[in-house]
């Protein structure tokens, strides 16, 4: 029997996995809110609402982040690129939501974690680990 080759993962990969896991947990919370299981909070006021489409989209985001975590652990260069693109999309959506009726407390954690992912993924050591120039 031949032993399967082990992949040496730099510390930065684990940082990205943890940050992506945090975003996946936030997406699970949004999914539960869209299903009406967890309430939405607006200051001291809370309410429950059901939206099947929102729940479906947030569940898709959970699946995407879980897929990204598995691909990051395999050191797939495509995961690096996809994580960069999806964090830019999330930051853009959060930025646009800040100009709407959404308060900073609703999107603050998501915005900060996605910004950290984007900053960390663009560091030279992380880029080199995934074979990017």
Protein backbone atom coordinates (compact mmCIF):
# COMPACT_ATOMS: atom_id res chain seq x y z
CA UNK A 1 0.00 0.00 0.00
CA UNK A 2 1.29 3.41 -0.85
CA UNK A 3 0.80 6.21 1.58
CA UNK A 4 -1.05 9.23 0.31
CA UNK A 5 1.07 12.36 0.12
CA UNK A 6 0.46 14.84 2.89
CA UNK A 7 -0.05 18.45 1.99
CA UNK A 8 1.95 20.94 4.02
CA UNK A 9 -0.38 23.78 4.83
CA UNK A 10 0.99 27.14 5.96
CA UNK A 11 -0.51 28.84 9.00
CA UNK A 12 -2.30 31.32 6.71
CA UNK A 13 -4.48 28.58 5.30
CA UNK A 14 -5.78 27.80 8.77
CA UNK A 15 -6.50 31.48 9.36
CA UNK A 16 -8.55 31.58 6.15
CA UNK A 17 -10.36 28.37 7.14
CA UNK A 18 -11.29 29.81 10.54
CA UNK A 19 -12.45 33.13 9.04
CA UNK A 20 -14.46 31.30 6.37
CA UNK A 21 -15.98 29.13 9.11
CA UNK A 22 -17.06 32.27 10.98
CA UNK A 23 -18.75 33.59 7.84
CA UNK A 24 -20.43 30.20 7.34
CA UNK A 25 -21.81 30.40 10.90
CA UNK A 26 -23.08 33.92 10.23
CA UNK A 27 -24.77 32.63 7.07
CA UNK A 28 -26.41 29.84 9.11
CA UNK A 29 -27.76 32.51 11.47
CA UNK A 30 -29.15 34.49 8.53
CA UNK A 31 -30.74 31.31 7.16
CA UNK A 32 -32.46 30.68 10.48
CA UNK A 33 -33.66 34.28 10.54
CA UNK A 34 -35.09 33.96 7.03
CA UNK A 35 -36.91 30.78 8.06
CA UNK A 36 -38.45 32.62 11.01
CA UNK A 37 -36.67 30.47 13.61
CA UNK A 38 -34.47 33.30 14.92
CA UNK A 39 -35.79 36.86 15.17
CA UNK A 40 -34.44 39.89 13.35
CA UNK A 41 -33.27 42.68 15.64
CA UNK A 42 -33.68 46.39 14.95
CA UNK A 43 -32.28 48.11 18.00
CA UNK A 44 -34.38 46.97 20.95
CA UNK A 45 -37.20 45.77 18.67
CA UNK A 46 -37.22 42.18 17.41
CA UNK A 47 -39.53 40.39 15.00
CA UNK A 48 -39.73 37.16 13.05
CA UNK A 49 -40.27 36.93 9.31
CA UNK A 50 -40.36 34.08 6.82
CA UNK A 51 -38.84 34.33 3.36
CA UNK A 52 -38.23 31.11 1.47
CA UNK A 53 -36.11 32.80 -1.22
CA UNK A 54 -33.87 34.51 1.36
CA UNK A 55 -33.50 31.24 3.26
CA UNK A 56 -32.59 29.44 0.04
CA UNK A 57 -29.97 32.04 -0.88
CA UNK A 58 -28.42 32.02 2.61
CA UNK A 59 -28.39 28.21 2.62
CA UNK A 60 -26.56 28.37 -0.72
CA UNK A 61 -23.99 30.69 0.87
CA UNK A 62 -23.52 28.19 3.71
CA UNK A 63 -22.88 25.45 1.16
CA UNK A 64 -20.44 27.67 -0.76
CA UNK A 65 -18.43 28.49 2.36
CA UNK A 66 -18.33 24.84 3.46
CA UNK A 67 -17.09 23.93 -0.03
CA UNK A 68 -14.51 26.71 0.19
CA UNK A 69 -13.26 25.40 3.53
CA UNK A 70 -12.75 21.93 2.09
CA UNK A 71 -10.97 23.34 -0.98
CA UNK A 72 -8.76 25.59 1.17
CA UNK A 73 -7.69 22.57 3.19
CA UNK A 74 -6.77 20.83 -0.08
CA UNK A 75 -4.70 23.90 -1.04
CA UNK A 76 -6.58 24.32 -4.31
CA UNK A 77 -5.54 27.59 -6.07
CA UNK A 78 -9.08 27.99 -7.41
CA UNK A 79 -10.36 28.24 -3.82
CA UNK A 80 -8.04 31.21 -3.27
CA UNK A 81 -9.50 33.00 -6.29
CA UNK A 82 -13.11 32.13 -5.46
CA UNK A 83 -12.70 33.25 -1.85
CA UNK A 84 -11.28 36.57 -3.06
CA UNK A 85 -14.21 37.08 -5.44
CA UNK A 86 -16.91 36.09 -2.95
CA UNK A 87 -15.45 38.28 -0.20
CA UNK A 88 -15.43 41.25 -2.60
CA UNK A 89 -19.06 40.55 -3.49
CA UNK A 90 -20.02 40.29 0.19
CA UNK A 91 -18.20 43.53 1.01
CA UNK A 92 -19.96 45.29 -1.85
CA UNK A 93 -23.37 44.08 -0.67
CA UNK A 94 -22.59 45.10 2.92
CA UNK A 95 -21.39 48.50 1.74
CA UNK A 96 -24.58 49.07 -0.25
CA UNK A 97 -26.70 47.91 2.70
CA UNK A 98 -25.05 50.53 4.91
CA UNK A 99 -26.60 53.23 2.72
CA UNK A 100 -30.05 51.68 3.09
CA UNK A 101 -32.15 51.17 6.17
CA UNK A 102 -29.73 48.64 7.64
CA UNK A 103 -27.85 49.66 10.76
CA UNK A 104 -24.15 49.02 11.34
CA UNK A 105 -24.96 46.49 14.08
CA UNK A 106 -26.76 44.28 11.53
CA UNK A 107 -23.82 43.90 9.15
CA UNK A 108 -20.82 44.96 11.24
CA UNK A 109 -19.43 41.50 12.03
CA UNK A 110 -19.96 40.26 8.48
CA UNK A 111 -18.28 43.36 7.06
CA UNK A 112 -15.27 43.07 9.39
CA UNK A 113 -14.74 39.33 8.81
CA UNK A 114 -15.00 39.66 5.02
CA UNK A 115 -12.58 42.61 5.11
CA UNK A 116 -10.14 40.52 7.16
CA UNK A 117 -10.46 37.65 4.68
CA UNK A 118 -9.77 39.97 1.74
CA UNK A 119 -6.80 41.61 3.44
CA UNK A 120 -5.31 38.30 4.53
CA UNK A 121 -5.82 36.60 1.19
CA UNK A 122 -3.95 39.38 -0.60
CA UNK A 123 -0.83 39.13 1.59
CA UNK A 124 2.22 37.95 -0.38
CA UNK A 125 2.78 34.85 1.78
CA UNK A 126 -0.81 33.68 1.36
CA UNK A 127 -0.70 34.31 -2.38
CA UNK A 128 2.54 32.36 -2.66
CA UNK A 129 1.12 29.44 -0.66
CA UNK A 130 -1.64 29.07 -3.27
CA UNK A 131 0.73 29.52 -6.21
CA UNK A 132 -0.45 33.03 -7.12
CA UNK A 133 1.94 35.77 -8.22
